[in-house]
């Protein structure tokens, strides 16, 4: 057996699902123990200090405060290769939805304006994804990540191979049947009349399958739930300057409706936005660096509207709700 590579796991602000998925990957694929020596992982090993150098560092969770920022920068200096694991780390995830609000309002509602005495616990203006702060070599998406994907990526890196990038969409893995033409109107909720064997789009329900990267086996549609995009957008949306999640979906729908997707997608998008708040399309990516690099993306417009107190902005007044 070749020499083991050293592995560090850096948990930031997350729910713990990515850590569990990684632990599950090592449990289901024990050959990983023959490839890697875990030198830092607070949940698994007792070592509390960062290693001087490490072959691979896995980041999970968003960078949420000054302590996270310091740790992310330090680990990057020590690591030869960095993997961003899960949607929080890679795209800002669900915590990134907080970027819609002003951090002062969130802290006021949740902590009654209490100041953090520890300098490293002081929050940043918004949760930040790892690629925005440090160079990332590989991204493993999904929420939570799939253990088989973690195993595949780590094994490929160990063998000196380049992991393949998902090229298809969730629709390519979905068994639901598409009708010949999609409806013109959309509804928000799944009713008893929904056919579990027919494509959600064909029944007037928004599903992000056509604009979401493959790899999950279309688990949610198979379970009767439209895709919410937890694998992140397809590569063309991420890399093309003028491409965006809702606009790309509107183009796809227009084409399915037999319309000119380039000329008539704005009308389709307008109807979608009457039913779905823009944040619905960015549930896992609202504060992603990929959309920040697109100043005219709907994600950027949505954040600006929220922070400026637009008509769709609202406060999380926990105290008021608690006394009802």
C-alpha atoms as a PDB file:
ATOM      1  CA  UNK A   1       0.000   0.000   0.000  1.00  0.00           C
ATOM      2  CA  UNK A   2       1.260   3.464  -0.885  1.00  0.00           C
ATOM      3  CA  UNK A   3       1.947   6.054   1.777  1.00  0.00           C
ATOM      4  CA  UNK A   4      -1.128   7.560   3.404  1.00  0.00           C
ATOM      5  CA  UNK A   5      -2.079  11.164   2.715  1.00  0.00           C
ATOM      6  CA  UNK A   6      -2.869  13.392   5.669  1.00  0.00           C
ATOM      7  CA  UNK A   7      -6.426  14.697   5.961  1.00  0.00           C
ATOM      8  CA  UNK A   8      -7.841  17.575   7.990  1.00  0.00           C
ATOM      9  CA  UNK A   9     -11.537  18.370   8.430  1.00  0.00           C
ATOM     10  CA  UNK A  10     -12.405  21.983   9.260  1.00  0.00           C
ATOM     11  CA  UNK A  11     -15.968  22.465  10.562  1.00  0.00           C
ATOM     12  CA  UNK A  12     -17.253  26.031  10.259  1.00  0.00           C
ATOM     13  CA  UNK A  13     -20.903  27.139  10.690  1.00  0.00           C
ATOM     14  CA  UNK A  14     -23.107  24.255   9.609  1.00  0.00           C
ATOM     15  CA  UNK A  15     -25.680  21.779  10.840  1.00  0.00           C
ATOM     16  CA  UNK A  16     -23.274  18.850  11.102  1.00  0.00           C
ATOM     17  CA  UNK A  17     -24.782  16.965   8.163  1.00  0.00           C
ATOM     18  CA  UNK A  18     -21.588  17.217   6.115  1.00  0.00           C
ATOM     19  CA  UNK A  19     -19.524  15.839   9.002  1.00  0.00           C
ATOM     20  CA  UNK A  20     -21.927  12.940   9.405  1.00  0.00           C
ATOM     21  CA  UNK A  21     -21.840  12.236   5.659  1.00  0.00           C
ATOM     22  CA  UNK A  22     -18.029  12.152   5.741  1.00  0.00           C
ATOM     23  CA  UNK A  23     -18.035   9.844   8.756  1.00  0.00           C
ATOM     24  CA  UNK A  24     -20.541   7.660   6.911  1.00  0.00           C
ATOM     25  CA  UNK A  25     -18.256   7.600   3.841  1.00  0.00           C
ATOM     26  CA  UNK A  26     -15.362   6.290   5.948  1.00  0.00           C
ATOM     27  CA  UNK A  27     -17.695   3.721   7.497  1.00  0.00           C
ATOM     28  CA  UNK A  28     -19.161   2.483   4.202  1.00  0.00           C
ATOM     29  CA  UNK A  29     -15.830   2.588   2.364  1.00  0.00           C
ATOM     30  CA  UNK A  30     -13.193   1.451   4.907  1.00  0.00           C
ATOM     31  CA  UNK A  31     -10.508   1.518   2.210  1.00  0.00           C
ATOM     32  CA  UNK A  32     -10.365   5.273   2.898  1.00  0.00           C
ATOM     33  CA  UNK A  33      -8.630   4.484   6.199  1.00  0.00           C
ATOM     34  CA  UNK A  34      -5.841   2.843   4.191  1.00  0.00           C
ATOM     35  CA  UNK A  35      -5.484   5.981   2.057  1.00  0.00           C
ATOM     36  CA  UNK A  36      -5.743   8.758   4.622  1.00  0.00           C
ATOM     37  CA  UNK A  37      -4.494   9.600   8.085  1.00  0.00           C
ATOM     38  CA  UNK A  38      -6.881  11.973   9.846  1.00  0.00           C
ATOM     39  CA  UNK A  39      -4.696  14.567  11.565  1.00  0.00           C
ATOM     40  CA  UNK A  40      -7.353  17.149  12.466  1.00  0.00           C
ATOM     41  CA  UNK A  41     -11.098  16.706  12.920  1.00  0.00           C
ATOM     42  CA  UNK A  42     -12.599  17.915  16.218  1.00  0.00           C
ATOM     43  CA  UNK A  43     -15.464  15.419  16.076  1.00  0.00           C
ATOM     44  CA  UNK A  44     -13.172  12.419  15.497  1.00  0.00           C
ATOM     45  CA  UNK A  45      -9.662  13.021  16.869  1.00  0.00           C
ATOM     46  CA  UNK A  46      -8.465  14.711  20.068  1.00  0.00           C
ATOM     47  CA  UNK A  47      -5.892  16.995  18.467  1.00  0.00           C
ATOM     48  CA  UNK A  48      -6.915  20.613  18.963  1.00  0.00           C
ATOM     49  CA  UNK A  49      -4.204  22.435  17.007  1.00  0.00           C
ATOM     50  CA  UNK A  50      -3.947  22.743  13.247  1.00  0.00           C
ATOM     51  CA  UNK A  51      -1.232  20.585  11.662  1.00  0.00           C
ATOM     52  CA  UNK A  52       1.808  22.409  10.313  1.00  0.00           C
ATOM     53  CA  UNK A  53       1.012  21.006   6.869  1.00  0.00           C
ATOM     54  CA  UNK A  54      -1.653  18.717   5.472  1.00  0.00           C
ATOM     55  CA  UNK A  55      -2.235  17.059   2.114  1.00  0.00           C
ATOM     56  CA  UNK A  56      -6.009  17.568   1.959  1.00  0.00           C
ATOM     57  CA  UNK A  57      -8.272  19.862   3.967  1.00  0.00           C
ATOM     58  CA  UNK A  58     -12.054  19.479   3.823  1.00  0.00           C
ATOM     59  CA  UNK A  59     -14.073  22.592   4.706  1.00  0.00           C
ATOM     60  CA  UNK A  60     -17.735  22.374   5.728  1.00  0.00           C
ATOM     61  CA  UNK A  61     -20.161  25.127   6.682  1.00  0.00           C
ATOM     62  CA  UNK A  62     -20.219  28.857   5.981  1.00  0.00           C
ATOM     63  CA  UNK A  63     -17.776  31.451   7.252  1.00  0.00           C
ATOM     64  CA  UNK A  64     -20.022  33.225   9.729  1.00  0.00           C
ATOM     65  CA  UNK A  65     -17.761  35.144  12.114  1.00  0.00           C
ATOM     66  CA  UNK A  66     -14.224  36.415  12.540  1.00  0.00           C
ATOM     67  CA  UNK A  67     -13.087  33.132  14.098  1.00  0.00           C
ATOM     68  CA  UNK A  68     -14.267  31.164  11.068  1.00  0.00           C
ATOM     69  CA  UNK A  69     -12.508  33.616   8.782  1.00  0.00           C
ATOM     70  CA  UNK A  70      -9.221  33.260  10.656  1.00  0.00           C
ATOM     71  CA  UNK A  71      -9.457  29.459  10.675  1.00  0.00           C
ATOM     72  CA  UNK A  72     -10.310  29.267   6.958  1.00  0.00           C
ATOM     73  CA  UNK A  73      -7.331  31.425   6.006  1.00  0.00           C
ATOM     74  CA  UNK A  74      -4.913  29.567   8.283  1.00  0.00           C
ATOM     75  CA  UNK A  75      -5.931  26.103   7.078  1.00  0.00           C
ATOM     76  CA  UNK A  76      -5.603  27.173   3.441  1.00  0.00           C
ATOM     77  CA  UNK A  77      -1.983  28.202   4.101  1.00  0.00           C
ATOM     78  CA  UNK A  78      -1.221  24.754   5.495  1.00  0.00           C
ATOM     79  CA  UNK A  79      -3.145  22.594   3.004  1.00  0.00           C
ATOM     80  CA  UNK A  80      -1.930  21.436  -0.392  1.00  0.00           C
ATOM     81  CA  UNK A  81      -5.476  20.697  -1.574  1.00  0.00           C
ATOM     82  CA  UNK A  82      -8.780  22.105  -0.331  1.00  0.00           C
ATOM     83  CA  UNK A  83     -12.190  20.503  -0.795  1.00  0.00           C
ATOM     84  CA  UNK A  84     -15.341  22.537  -0.195  1.00  0.00           C
ATOM     85  CA  UNK A  85     -17.942  20.083   1.082  1.00  0.00           C
ATOM     86  CA  UNK A  86     -21.703  20.611   0.934  1.00  0.00           C
ATOM     87  CA  UNK A  87     -23.850  23.552  -0.084  1.00  0.00           C
ATOM     88  CA  UNK A  88     -23.077  25.831   2.877  1.00  0.00           C
ATOM     89  CA  UNK A  89     -19.349  25.695   2.323  1.00  0.00           C
ATOM     90  CA  UNK A  90     -19.564  25.784  -1.474  1.00  0.00           C
ATOM     91  CA  UNK A  91     -22.518  28.086  -2.234  1.00  0.00           C
ATOM     92  CA  UNK A  92     -23.552  29.631   1.139  1.00  0.00           C
ATOM     93  CA  UNK A  93     -26.413  27.130   1.538  1.00  0.00           C
ATOM     94  CA  UNK A  94     -29.479  27.788   3.662  1.00  0.00           C
ATOM     95  CA  UNK A  95     -27.494  30.115   6.005  1.00  0.00           C
ATOM     96  CA  UNK A  96     -26.846  32.313   2.961  1.00  0.00           C
ATOM     97  CA  UNK A  97     -30.524  33.270   2.956  1.00  0.00           C
ATOM     98  CA  UNK A  98     -29.638  35.507   5.909  1.00  0.00           C
ATOM     99  CA  UNK A  99     -27.886  37.793   3.424  1.00  0.00           C
ATOM    100  CA  UNK A 100     -31.384  39.003   2.477  1.00  0.00           C
ATOM    101  CA  UNK A 101     -31.547  40.799   5.839  1.00  0.00           C
ATOM    102  CA  UNK A 102     -29.300  43.268   7.609  1.00  0.00           C
ATOM    103  CA  UNK A 103     -27.204  41.458  10.181  1.00  0.00           C
ATOM    104  CA  UNK A 104     -28.087  44.111  12.792  1.00  0.00           C
ATOM    105  CA  UNK A 105     -31.781  43.235  12.459  1.00  0.00           C
ATOM    106  CA  UNK A 106     -31.128  39.516  12.794  1.00  0.00           C
ATOM    107  CA  UNK A 107     -29.016  39.991  15.922  1.00  0.00           C
ATOM    108  CA  UNK A 108     -31.619  42.318  17.416  1.00  0.00           C
ATOM    109  CA  UNK A 109     -34.399  39.794  16.908  1.00  0.00           C
ATOM    110  CA  UNK A 110     -32.431  36.752  18.072  1.00  0.00           C
ATOM    111  CA  UNK A 111     -30.136  38.148  20.758  1.00  0.00           C
ATOM    112  CA  UNK A 112     -31.870  41.404  21.766  1.00  0.00           C
ATOM    113  CA  UNK A 113     -28.880  43.392  20.571  1.00  0.00           C
ATOM    114  CA  UNK A 114     -26.404  41.765  22.989  1.00  0.00           C
ATOM    115  CA  UNK A 115     -22.782  42.473  22.042  1.00  0.00           C
ATOM    116  CA  UNK A 116     -20.330  39.600  21.636  1.00  0.00           C
ATOM    117  CA  UNK A 117     -17.462  40.004  24.100  1.00  0.00           C
ATOM    118  CA  UNK A 118     -15.236  37.494  22.309  1.00  0.00           C
ATOM    119  CA  UNK A 119     -13.739  39.242  19.286  1.00  0.00           C
ATOM    120  CA  UNK A 120     -13.629  36.003  17.266  1.00  0.00           C
ATOM    121  CA  UNK A 121     -17.360  35.380  17.784  1.00  0.00           C
ATOM    122  CA  UNK A 122     -18.380  38.695  16.258  1.00  0.00           C
ATOM    123  CA  UNK A 123     -20.505  37.956  13.161  1.00  0.00           C
ATOM    124  CA  UNK A 124     -19.658  39.026   9.657  1.00  0.00           C
ATOM    125  CA  UNK A 125     -22.195  41.132   7.693  1.00  0.00           C
ATOM    126  CA  UNK A 126     -23.477  37.930   6.052  1.00  0.00           C
ATOM    127  CA  UNK A 127     -22.600  34.221   5.890  1.00  0.00           C
ATOM    128  CA  UNK A 128     -19.867  33.717   3.278  1.00  0.00           C
ATOM    129  CA  UNK A 129     -19.089  30.613   1.235  1.00  0.00           C
ATOM    130  CA  UNK A 130     -15.542  29.257   1.337  1.00  0.00           C
ATOM    131  CA  UNK A 131     -14.651  29.867  -2.364  1.00  0.00           C
ATOM    132  CA  UNK A 132     -15.187  33.587  -1.781  1.00  0.00           C
ATOM    133  CA  UNK A 133     -12.417  33.648   0.830  1.00  0.00           C
ATOM    134  CA  UNK A 134      -9.831  31.031  -0.177  1.00  0.00           C
ATOM    135  CA  UNK A 135      -8.933  29.178  -3.392  1.00  0.00           C
ATOM    136  CA  UNK A 136     -10.811  25.869  -3.539  1.00  0.00           C
ATOM    137  CA  UNK A 137      -9.568  22.921  -5.599  1.00  0.00           C
ATOM    138  CA  UNK A 138     -12.677  20.729  -5.559  1.00  0.00           C
ATOM    139  CA  UNK A 139     -16.358  21.152  -4.691  1.00  0.00           C
ATOM    140  CA  UNK A 140     -18.579  18.322  -3.477  1.00  0.00           C
ATOM    141  CA  UNK A 141     -22.141  19.625  -3.459  1.00  0.00           C
ATOM    142  CA  UNK A 142     -25.580  18.391  -2.298  1.00  0.00           C
ATOM    143  CA  UNK A 143     -27.266  19.022   1.040  1.00  0.00           C
ATOM    144  CA  UNK A 144     -26.271  16.830   2.692  1.00  0.00           C
ATOM    145  CA  UNK A 145     -23.402  15.509   0.533  1.00  0.00           C
ATOM    146  CA  UNK A 146     -23.673  11.933  -0.650  1.00  0.00           C
ATOM    147  CA  UNK A 147     -21.125   9.576   1.001  1.00  0.00           C
ATOM    148  CA  UNK A 148     -20.424   7.830  -2.318  1.00  0.00           C
ATOM    149  CA  UNK A 149     -19.432  11.205  -3.820  1.00  0.00           C
ATOM    150  CA  UNK A 150     -17.045  11.873  -0.930  1.00  0.00           C
ATOM    151  CA  UNK A 151     -15.485   8.434  -1.378  1.00  0.00           C
ATOM    152  CA  UNK A 152     -15.175   8.871  -5.136  1.00  0.00           C
ATOM    153  CA  UNK A 153     -13.527  12.287  -4.848  1.00  0.00           C
ATOM    154  CA  UNK A 154     -11.068  11.324  -2.113  1.00  0.00           C
ATOM    155  CA  UNK A 155     -10.109   8.110  -3.905  1.00  0.00           C
ATOM    156  CA  UNK A 156      -9.559   9.952  -7.191  1.00  0.00           C
ATOM    157  CA  UNK A 157      -7.324  12.539  -5.519  1.00  0.00           C
ATOM    158  CA  UNK A 158      -5.378   9.806  -3.740  1.00  0.00           C
ATOM    159  CA  UNK A 159      -4.778   8.019  -7.056  1.00  0.00           C
ATOM    160  CA  UNK A 160      -3.677  11.239  -8.743  1.00  0.00           C
ATOM    161  CA  UNK A 161      -6.794  11.342 -10.939  1.00  0.00           C
ATOM    162  CA  UNK A 162      -9.100  14.253 -11.713  1.00  0.00           C
ATOM    163  CA  UNK A 163     -12.655  13.708 -10.389  1.00  0.00           C
ATOM    164  CA  UNK A 164     -15.316  14.037 -13.067  1.00  0.00           C
ATOM    165  CA  UNK A 165     -17.695  16.981 -12.969  1.00  0.00           C
ATOM    166  CA  UNK A 166     -21.451  16.422 -13.182  1.00  0.00           C
ATOM    167  CA  UNK A 167     -22.524  17.301 -16.721  1.00  0.00           C
ATOM    168  CA  UNK A 168     -26.213  16.406 -16.606  1.00  0.00           C
ATOM    169  CA  UNK A 169     -29.278  17.580 -14.704  1.00  0.00           C
ATOM    170  CA  UNK A 170     -31.558  15.987 -12.124  1.00  0.00           C
ATOM    171  CA  UNK A 171     -34.104  15.502 -14.916  1.00  0.00           C
ATOM    172  CA  UNK A 172     -31.753  12.988 -16.552  1.00  0.00           C
ATOM    173  CA  UNK A 173     -32.147  10.774 -13.468  1.00  0.00           C
ATOM    174  CA  UNK A 174     -35.848  11.390 -12.854  1.00  0.00           C
ATOM    175  CA  UNK A 175     -38.371   8.632 -13.689  1.00  0.00           C
ATOM    176  CA  UNK A 176     -41.417  10.959 -13.759  1.00  0.00           C
ATOM    177  CA  UNK A 177     -43.106  11.252 -17.128  1.00  0.00           C
ATOM    178  CA  UNK A 178     -43.200  14.540 -19.021  1.00  0.00           C
ATOM    179  CA  UNK A 179     -46.325  15.628 -20.869  1.00  0.00           C
ATOM    180  CA  UNK A 180     -46.047  16.970 -24.395  1.00  0.00           C
ATOM    181  CA  UNK A 181     -46.722  20.549 -23.368  1.00  0.00           C
ATOM    182  CA  UNK A 182     -46.381  22.397 -20.089  1.00  0.00           C
ATOM    183  CA  UNK A 183     -49.178  24.525 -18.551  1.00  0.00           C
ATOM    184  CA  UNK A 184     -49.237  28.306 -18.743  1.00  0.00           C
ATOM    185  CA  UNK A 185     -50.085  28.953 -15.088  1.00  0.00           C
ATOM    186  CA  UNK A 186     -48.344  27.903 -11.859  1.00  0.00           C
ATOM    187  CA  UNK A 187     -49.411  27.039  -8.347  1.00  0.00           C
ATOM    188  CA  UNK A 188     -47.518  27.072  -5.090  1.00  0.00           C
ATOM    189  CA  UNK A 189     -48.640  24.037  -3.139  1.00  0.00           C
ATOM    190  CA  UNK A 190     -48.821  20.331  -3.837  1.00  0.00           C
ATOM    191  CA  UNK A 191     -52.441  19.158  -3.678  1.00  0.00           C
ATOM    192  CA  UNK A 192     -54.088  15.771  -3.482  1.00  0.00           C
ATOM    193  CA  UNK A 193     -54.661  15.908  -7.221  1.00  0.00           C
ATOM    194  CA  UNK A 194     -50.924  15.774  -8.024  1.00  0.00           C
ATOM    195  CA  UNK A 195     -49.985  12.658  -9.958  1.00  0.00           C
ATOM    196  CA  UNK A 196     -46.828  11.140  -8.395  1.00  0.00           C
ATOM    197  CA  UNK A 197     -45.858   9.598 -11.733  1.00  0.00           C
ATOM    198  CA  UNK A 198     -45.981  12.798 -13.820  1.00  0.00           C
ATOM    199  CA  UNK A 199     -43.374  15.574 -14.000  1.00  0.00           C
ATOM    200  CA  UNK A 200     -44.095  18.367 -11.520  1.00  0.00           C
ATOM    201  CA  UNK A 201     -43.548  21.037 -14.174  1.00  0.00           C
ATOM    202  CA  UNK A 202     -46.192  19.357 -16.296  1.00  0.00           C
ATOM    203  CA  UNK A 203     -48.599  19.817 -13.381  1.00  0.00           C
ATOM    204  CA  UNK A 204     -47.853  23.500 -12.841  1.00  0.00           C
ATOM    205  CA  UNK A 205     -45.452  23.072  -9.906  1.00  0.00           C
ATOM    206  CA  UNK A 206     -41.988  24.595 -10.004  1.00  0.00           C
ATOM    207  CA  UNK A 207     -39.247  21.984  -9.947  1.00  0.00           C
ATOM    208  CA  UNK A 208     -35.584  22.975 -10.295  1.00  0.00           C
ATOM    209  CA  UNK A 209     -34.603  19.645 -11.828  1.00  0.00           C
ATOM    210  CA  UNK A 210     -33.843  21.152 -15.281  1.00  0.00           C
ATOM    211  CA  UNK A 211     -31.326  23.616 -13.788  1.00  0.00           C
ATOM    212  CA  UNK A 212     -29.767  21.481 -11.016  1.00  0.00           C
ATOM    213  CA  UNK A 213     -26.683  19.297 -11.304  1.00  0.00           C
ATOM    214  CA  UNK A 214     -27.205  15.546 -11.321  1.00  0.00           C
ATOM    215  CA  UNK A 215     -25.813  12.977  -8.915  1.00  0.00           C
ATOM    216  CA  UNK A 216     -28.590  12.375  -6.392  1.00  0.00           C
ATOM    217  CA  UNK A 217     -30.666   9.974  -8.487  1.00  0.00           C
ATOM    218  CA  UNK A 218     -33.591  12.432  -8.340  1.00  0.00           C
ATOM    219  CA  UNK A 219     -34.360  11.365  -4.770  1.00  0.00           C
ATOM    220  CA  UNK A 220     -36.851  14.125  -4.022  1.00  0.00           C
ATOM    221  CA  UNK A 221     -38.983  13.750  -7.190  1.00  0.00           C
ATOM    222  CA  UNK A 222     -39.027  10.001  -6.583  1.00  0.00           C
ATOM    223  CA  UNK A 223     -40.378  10.727  -3.094  1.00  0.00           C
ATOM    224  CA  UNK A 224     -43.073  13.104  -4.371  1.00  0.00           C
ATOM    225  CA  UNK A 225     -41.198  16.379  -3.741  1.00  0.00           C
ATOM    226  CA  UNK A 226     -40.126  18.852  -6.455  1.00  0.00           C
ATOM    227  CA  UNK A 227     -36.385  19.460  -6.702  1.00  0.00           C
ATOM    228  CA  UNK A 228     -35.241  22.438  -4.606  1.00  0.00           C
ATOM    229  CA  UNK A 229     -31.761  22.597  -6.138  1.00  0.00           C
ATOM    230  CA  UNK A 230     -29.703  21.204  -3.244  1.00  0.00           C
ATOM    231  CA  UNK A 231     -26.931  20.052  -5.601  1.00  0.00           C
ATOM    232  CA  UNK A 232     -26.360  23.531  -6.944  1.00  0.00           C
ATOM    233  CA  UNK A 233     -26.896  24.855 -10.467  1.00  0.00           C
ATOM    234  CA  UNK A 234     -25.518  23.185 -13.559  1.00  0.00           C
ATOM    235  CA  UNK A 235     -22.035  24.201 -14.685  1.00  0.00           C
ATOM    236  CA  UNK A 236     -23.255  26.344 -17.584  1.00  0.00           C
ATOM    237  CA  UNK A 237     -25.269  28.505 -15.169  1.00  0.00           C
ATOM    238  CA  UNK A 238     -22.270  28.896 -12.866  1.00  0.00           C
ATOM    239  CA  UNK A 239     -19.732  29.670 -15.554  1.00  0.00           C
ATOM    240  CA  UNK A 240     -21.621  31.694 -18.180  1.00  0.00           C
ATOM    241  CA  UNK A 241     -21.674  35.393 -17.434  1.00  0.00           C
ATOM    242  CA  UNK A 242     -25.280  36.060 -18.416  1.00  0.00           C
ATOM    243  CA  UNK A 243     -26.861  32.827 -17.152  1.00  0.00           C
ATOM    244  CA  UNK A 244     -28.986  32.575 -14.012  1.00  0.00           C
ATOM    245  CA  UNK A 245     -31.158  29.966 -12.275  1.00  0.00           C
ATOM    246  CA  UNK A 246     -34.680  31.470 -12.737  1.00  0.00           C
ATOM    247  CA  UNK A 247     -33.993  32.819 -16.221  1.00  0.00           C
ATOM    248  CA  UNK A 248     -32.553  29.505 -17.394  1.00  0.00           C
ATOM    249  CA  UNK A 249     -35.552  27.662 -15.955  1.00  0.00           C
ATOM    250  CA  UNK A 250     -37.935  30.103 -17.670  1.00  0.00           C
ATOM    251  CA  UNK A 251     -36.156  29.462 -20.981  1.00  0.00           C
ATOM    252  CA  UNK A 252     -36.490  25.711 -20.494  1.00  0.00           C
ATOM    253  CA  UNK A 253     -40.186  26.005 -19.668  1.00  0.00           C
ATOM    254  CA  UNK A 254     -40.814  28.277 -22.663  1.00  0.00           C
ATOM    255  CA  UNK A 255     -39.188  25.694 -24.922  1.00  0.00           C
ATOM    256  CA  UNK A 256     -41.340  22.918 -23.413  1.00  0.00           C
ATOM    257  CA  UNK A 257     -44.392  25.101 -24.058  1.00  0.00           C
ATOM    258  CA  UNK A 258     -43.479  25.332 -27.731  1.00  0.00           C
ATOM    259  CA  UNK A 259     -42.408  28.982 -27.545  1.00  0.00           C
ATOM    260  CA  UNK A 260     -39.248  30.782 -28.585  1.00  0.00           C
ATOM    261  CA  UNK A 261     -37.156  30.440 -25.381  1.00  0.00           C
ATOM    262  CA  UNK A 262     -35.014  33.520 -26.056  1.00  0.00           C
ATOM    263  CA  UNK A 263     -37.816  35.892 -26.942  1.00  0.00           C
ATOM    264  CA  UNK A 264     -40.651  34.689 -24.733  1.00  0.00           C
ATOM    265  CA  UNK A 265     -38.957  33.551 -21.524  1.00  0.00           C
ATOM    266  CA  UNK A 266     -39.531  36.960 -19.779  1.00  0.00           C
ATOM    267  CA  UNK A 267     -43.294  36.322 -19.826  1.00  0.00           C
ATOM    268  CA  UNK A 268     -42.790  32.879 -18.329  1.00  0.00           C
ATOM    269  CA  UNK A 269     -40.482  34.293 -15.661  1.00  0.00           C
ATOM    270  CA  UNK A 270     -43.024  36.969 -14.782  1.00  0.00           C
ATOM    271  CA  UNK A 271     -45.661  34.315 -14.123  1.00  0.00           C
ATOM    272  CA  UNK A 272     -43.268  32.239 -12.040  1.00  0.00           C
ATOM    273  CA  UNK A 273     -42.402  35.206  -9.847  1.00  0.00           C
ATOM    274  CA  UNK A 274     -46.078  35.892  -9.158  1.00  0.00           C
ATOM    275  CA  UNK A 275     -46.236  32.543  -7.378  1.00  0.00           C
ATOM    276  CA  UNK A 276     -42.690  32.031  -6.087  1.00  0.00           C
ATOM    277  CA  UNK A 277     -40.529  34.510  -4.204  1.00  0.00           C
ATOM    278  CA  UNK A 278     -37.113  34.901  -5.900  1.00  0.00           C
ATOM    279  CA  UNK A 279     -35.484  33.312  -2.849  1.00  0.00           C
ATOM    280  CA  UNK A 280     -37.239  30.065  -3.774  1.00  0.00           C
ATOM    281  CA  UNK A 281     -34.792  29.697  -6.665  1.00  0.00           C
ATOM    282  CA  UNK A 282     -31.742  30.437  -4.492  1.00  0.00           C
ATOM    283  CA  UNK A 283     -32.547  28.416  -1.402  1.00  0.00           C
ATOM    284  CA  UNK A 284     -28.999  27.043  -1.329  1.00  0.00           C
ATOM    285  CA  UNK A 285     -27.126  29.664  -3.362  1.00  0.00           C
ATOM    286  CA  UNK A 286     -28.385  33.178  -2.562  1.00  0.00           C
ATOM    287  CA  UNK A 287     -25.063  34.504  -1.260  1.00  0.00           C
ATOM    288  CA  UNK A 288     -22.886  32.407  -3.553  1.00  0.00           C
ATOM    289  CA  UNK A 289     -19.726  33.999  -4.945  1.00  0.00           C
ATOM    290  CA  UNK A 290     -20.745  32.616  -8.327  1.00  0.00           C
ATOM    291  CA  UNK A 291     -23.764  34.938  -8.412  1.00  0.00           C
ATOM    292  CA  UNK A 292     -21.955  37.814  -6.730  1.00  0.00           C
ATOM    293  CA  UNK A 293     -19.680  37.800  -9.764  1.00  0.00           C
ATOM    294  CA  UNK A 294     -22.809  38.453 -11.852  1.00  0.00           C
ATOM    295  CA  UNK A 295     -23.916  41.941 -10.755  1.00  0.00           C
ATOM    296  CA  UNK A 296     -27.145  41.779 -12.760  1.00  0.00           C
ATOM    297  CA  UNK A 297     -28.241  38.368 -11.489  1.00  0.00           C
ATOM    298  CA  UNK A 298     -31.605  38.061  -9.770  1.00  0.00           C
ATOM    299  CA  UNK A 299     -29.779  36.843  -6.655  1.00  0.00           C
ATOM    300  CA  UNK A 300     -27.998  40.188  -6.325  1.00  0.00           C
ATOM    301  CA  UNK A 301     -31.187  42.158  -6.961  1.00  0.00           C
ATOM    302  CA  UNK A 302     -33.030  40.060  -4.380  1.00  0.00           C
ATOM    303  CA  UNK A 303     -30.416  40.684  -1.680  1.00  0.00           C
ATOM    304  CA  UNK A 304     -30.373  44.405  -2.382  1.00  0.00           C
ATOM    305  CA  UNK A 305     -34.160  44.562  -2.168  1.00  0.00           C
ATOM    306  CA  UNK A 306     -34.199  42.811   1.180  1.00  0.00           C
ATOM    307  CA  UNK A 307     -31.437  44.865   2.748  1.00  0.00           C
ATOM    308  CA  UNK A 308     -32.953  48.111   1.560  1.00  0.00           C
ATOM    309  CA  UNK A 309     -36.285  47.230   3.176  1.00  0.00           C
ATOM    310  CA  UNK A 310     -38.157  46.485  -0.034  1.00  0.00           C
ATOM    311  CA  UNK A 311     -41.785  45.449  -0.045  1.00  0.00           C
ATOM    312  CA  UNK A 312     -40.903  41.775   0.295  1.00  0.00           C
ATOM    313  CA  UNK A 313     -38.539  42.268   3.222  1.00  0.00           C
ATOM    314  CA  UNK A 314     -39.668  41.130   6.642  1.00  0.00           C
ATOM    315  CA  UNK A 315     -38.244  40.754  10.134  1.00  0.00           C
ATOM    316  CA  UNK A 316     -37.940  37.580  12.173  1.00  0.00           C
ATOM    317  CA  UNK A 317     -39.545  38.971  15.302  1.00  0.00           C
ATOM    318  CA  UNK A 318     -39.137  35.871  17.447  1.00  0.00           C
ATOM    319  CA  UNK A 319     -40.128  37.569  20.685  1.00  0.00           C
ATOM    320  CA  UNK A 320     -43.489  38.724  19.343  1.00  0.00           C
ATOM    321  CA  UNK A 321     -44.320  35.258  17.985  1.00  0.00           C
ATOM    322  CA  UNK A 322     -43.267  33.600  21.236  1.00  0.00           C
ATOM    323  CA  UNK A 323     -45.862  35.566  23.225  1.00  0.00           C
ATOM    324  CA  UNK A 324     -48.813  34.794  20.995  1.00  0.00           C
END
